[in-house]
């Protein structure tokens, strides 16, 4: 039986659902919506947010609780701020709700 106490789901891929028990745990708990935050916006956050949307979990992405880093390709460095903004815009248009951490305070009332 799955309970709401500490549950650790170990992952090895950017998508937190890929080859993990995360979906089974969420189903067992009756979860219908997930809140996504963490590192790296351009990898794990993007992959997990899209996957959770595709699985029907109605994700909420907390934009100020995610981060990324500057990246380089073919000698062109793209600053972290531009990568962060680009991925957040793409996720807003694709999968639903991108909010700030003020969301948490709104749900406590």
C-alpha atoms as a PDB file:
ATOM      1  CA  UNK A   1       0.000   0.000   0.000  1.00  0.00           C
ATOM      2  CA  UNK A   2       1.231   3.487  -0.836  1.00  0.00           C
ATOM      3  CA  UNK A   3       0.905   6.189   1.821  1.00  0.00           C
ATOM      4  CA  UNK A   4       1.527   9.930   1.774  1.00  0.00           C
ATOM      5  CA  UNK A   5       4.615   9.679   3.979  1.00  0.00           C
ATOM      6  CA  UNK A   6       8.042  10.076   2.420  1.00  0.00           C
ATOM      7  CA  UNK A   7       8.117   8.351  -0.928  1.00  0.00           C
ATOM      8  CA  UNK A   8      11.356   8.316  -2.867  1.00  0.00           C
ATOM      9  CA  UNK A   9      11.253   7.648  -6.599  1.00  0.00           C
ATOM     10  CA  UNK A  10      14.724   7.272  -8.067  1.00  0.00           C
ATOM     11  CA  UNK A  11      15.108   8.450 -11.639  1.00  0.00           C
ATOM     12  CA  UNK A  12      17.820   8.108 -14.266  1.00  0.00           C
ATOM     13  CA  UNK A  13      16.351  10.128 -17.143  1.00  0.00           C
ATOM     14  CA  UNK A  14      15.183  13.760 -17.551  1.00  0.00           C
ATOM     15  CA  UNK A  15      11.541  12.598 -17.698  1.00  0.00           C
ATOM     16  CA  UNK A  16      10.667  11.659 -14.111  1.00  0.00           C
ATOM     17  CA  UNK A  17       8.095   9.164 -15.394  1.00  0.00           C
ATOM     18  CA  UNK A  18      10.487   7.244 -17.659  1.00  0.00           C
ATOM     19  CA  UNK A  19      11.362   3.843 -16.192  1.00  0.00           C
ATOM     20  CA  UNK A  20      10.232   4.851 -12.683  1.00  0.00           C
ATOM     21  CA  UNK A  21       7.312   4.046 -10.417  1.00  0.00           C
ATOM     22  CA  UNK A  22       6.180   7.680 -10.266  1.00  0.00           C
ATOM     23  CA  UNK A  23       3.002   7.195 -12.277  1.00  0.00           C
ATOM     24  CA  UNK A  24       2.014   4.129 -10.239  1.00  0.00           C
ATOM     25  CA  UNK A  25       2.590   6.032  -6.985  1.00  0.00           C
ATOM     26  CA  UNK A  26       0.490   8.981  -8.183  1.00  0.00           C
ATOM     27  CA  UNK A  27      -2.327   6.684  -9.312  1.00  0.00           C
ATOM     28  CA  UNK A  28      -2.267   4.837  -5.976  1.00  0.00           C
ATOM     29  CA  UNK A  29      -2.528   8.156  -4.128  1.00  0.00           C
ATOM     30  CA  UNK A  30      -5.318   9.442  -6.372  1.00  0.00           C
ATOM     31  CA  UNK A  31      -3.254  12.408  -7.553  1.00  0.00           C
ATOM     32  CA  UNK A  32      -4.843  14.376 -10.403  1.00  0.00           C
ATOM     33  CA  UNK A  33      -2.469  17.342 -10.602  1.00  0.00           C
ATOM     34  CA  UNK A  34       1.267  17.751 -10.102  1.00  0.00           C
ATOM     35  CA  UNK A  35       3.379  20.774  -9.210  1.00  0.00           C
ATOM     36  CA  UNK A  36       6.739  20.798 -10.978  1.00  0.00           C
ATOM     37  CA  UNK A  37       9.907  22.542  -9.798  1.00  0.00           C
ATOM     38  CA  UNK A  38      13.637  21.833  -9.730  1.00  0.00           C
ATOM     39  CA  UNK A  39      16.646  21.677 -12.057  1.00  0.00           C
ATOM     40  CA  UNK A  40      17.329  21.917 -15.074  1.00  0.00           C
ATOM     41  CA  UNK A  41      14.516  23.753 -16.869  1.00  0.00           C
ATOM     42  CA  UNK A  42      15.857  22.819 -20.312  1.00  0.00           C
ATOM     43  CA  UNK A  43      16.015  19.099 -19.467  1.00  0.00           C
ATOM     44  CA  UNK A  44      14.228  17.582 -16.475  1.00  0.00           C
ATOM     45  CA  UNK A  45      11.615  20.287 -15.964  1.00  0.00           C
ATOM     46  CA  UNK A  46      10.712  20.386 -19.652  1.00  0.00           C
ATOM     47  CA  UNK A  47      10.569  16.585 -20.006  1.00  0.00           C
ATOM     48  CA  UNK A  48       8.649  15.956 -16.790  1.00  0.00           C
ATOM     49  CA  UNK A  49       6.151  18.782 -17.358  1.00  0.00           C
ATOM     50  CA  UNK A  50       5.362  17.573 -20.883  1.00  0.00           C
ATOM     51  CA  UNK A  51       5.092  13.947 -19.760  1.00  0.00           C
ATOM     52  CA  UNK A  52       2.793  14.826 -16.854  1.00  0.00           C
ATOM     53  CA  UNK A  53       0.546  16.749 -19.247  1.00  0.00           C
ATOM     54  CA  UNK A  54       0.490  13.844 -21.693  1.00  0.00           C
ATOM     55  CA  UNK A  55      -0.419  11.474 -18.843  1.00  0.00           C
ATOM     56  CA  UNK A  56      -3.315  13.733 -17.815  1.00  0.00           C
ATOM     57  CA  UNK A  57      -1.907  15.183 -14.571  1.00  0.00           C
ATOM     58  CA  UNK A  58      -2.592  18.891 -15.361  1.00  0.00           C
ATOM     59  CA  UNK A  59       0.867  20.180 -14.343  1.00  0.00           C
ATOM     60  CA  UNK A  60       1.537  23.471 -12.632  1.00  0.00           C
ATOM     61  CA  UNK A  61       5.110  24.649 -13.208  1.00  0.00           C
ATOM     62  CA  UNK A  62       6.529  26.990 -10.564  1.00  0.00           C
ATOM     63  CA  UNK A  63       8.732  29.238 -12.695  1.00  0.00           C
ATOM     64  CA  UNK A  64      10.716  30.837  -9.866  1.00  0.00           C
ATOM     65  CA  UNK A  65      11.464  27.405  -8.377  1.00  0.00           C
ATOM     66  CA  UNK A  66      13.290  26.218 -11.500  1.00  0.00           C
ATOM     67  CA  UNK A  67      16.656  27.093 -12.960  1.00  0.00           C
ATOM     68  CA  UNK A  68      18.953  26.313 -15.831  1.00  0.00           C
ATOM     69  CA  UNK A  69      22.447  27.197 -16.982  1.00  0.00           C
ATOM     70  CA  UNK A  70      24.066  28.853 -19.974  1.00  0.00           C
ATOM     71  CA  UNK A  71      24.600  26.475 -22.868  1.00  0.00           C
ATOM     72  CA  UNK A  72      26.923  26.487 -25.875  1.00  0.00           C
ATOM     73  CA  UNK A  73      26.441  25.075 -29.352  1.00  0.00           C
ATOM     74  CA  UNK A  74      28.824  25.497 -32.296  1.00  0.00           C
ATOM     75  CA  UNK A  75      30.650  28.304 -30.538  1.00  0.00           C
ATOM     76  CA  UNK A  76      27.509  30.253 -29.672  1.00  0.00           C
ATOM     77  CA  UNK A  77      26.779  30.647 -25.973  1.00  0.00           C
ATOM     78  CA  UNK A  78      23.175  31.202 -24.959  1.00  0.00           C
ATOM     79  CA  UNK A  79      22.760  32.823 -21.530  1.00  0.00           C
ATOM     80  CA  UNK A  80      20.784  30.958 -18.872  1.00  0.00           C
ATOM     81  CA  UNK A  81      18.218  33.783 -18.696  1.00  0.00           C
ATOM     82  CA  UNK A  82      17.296  33.311 -22.378  1.00  0.00           C
ATOM     83  CA  UNK A  83      17.146  29.528 -22.098  1.00  0.00           C
ATOM     84  CA  UNK A  84      14.956  29.804 -18.995  1.00  0.00           C
ATOM     85  CA  UNK A  85      12.586  32.283 -20.649  1.00  0.00           C
ATOM     86  CA  UNK A  86      12.398  30.239 -23.857  1.00  0.00           C
ATOM     87  CA  UNK A  87      11.514  26.991 -22.149  1.00  0.00           C
ATOM     88  CA  UNK A  88       8.974  28.629 -19.824  1.00  0.00           C
ATOM     89  CA  UNK A  89       7.236  30.289 -22.785  1.00  0.00           C
ATOM     90  CA  UNK A  90       7.155  26.995 -24.676  1.00  0.00           C
ATOM     91  CA  UNK A  91       5.717  25.148 -21.685  1.00  0.00           C
ATOM     92  CA  UNK A  92       3.118  27.856 -21.103  1.00  0.00           C
ATOM     93  CA  UNK A  93       1.873  27.481 -24.662  1.00  0.00           C
ATOM     94  CA  UNK A  94       2.083  23.691 -24.680  1.00  0.00           C
ATOM     95  CA  UNK A  95       1.047  22.218 -21.420  1.00  0.00           C
ATOM     96  CA  UNK A  96      -0.776  24.589 -19.215  1.00  0.00           C
ATOM     97  CA  UNK A  97      -0.057  26.646 -16.224  1.00  0.00           C
ATOM     98  CA  UNK A  98       3.234  28.356 -15.446  1.00  0.00           C
ATOM     99  CA  UNK A  99       2.998  30.243 -12.154  1.00  0.00           C
ATOM    100  CA  UNK A 100       5.255  31.887  -9.604  1.00  0.00           C
ATOM    101  CA  UNK A 101       5.741  30.561  -6.088  1.00  0.00           C
ATOM    102  CA  UNK A 102       2.933  32.919  -4.996  1.00  0.00           C
ATOM    103  CA  UNK A 103       0.729  29.998  -6.096  1.00  0.00           C
ATOM    104  CA  UNK A 104       1.633  28.205  -2.860  1.00  0.00           C
ATOM    105  CA  UNK A 105       0.487  31.094  -0.675  1.00  0.00           C
ATOM    106  CA  UNK A 106      -2.805  31.258  -2.620  1.00  0.00           C
ATOM    107  CA  UNK A 107      -3.527  27.580  -1.933  1.00  0.00           C
ATOM    108  CA  UNK A 108      -2.886  27.864   1.814  1.00  0.00           C
ATOM    109  CA  UNK A 109      -5.899  30.107   2.466  1.00  0.00           C
END
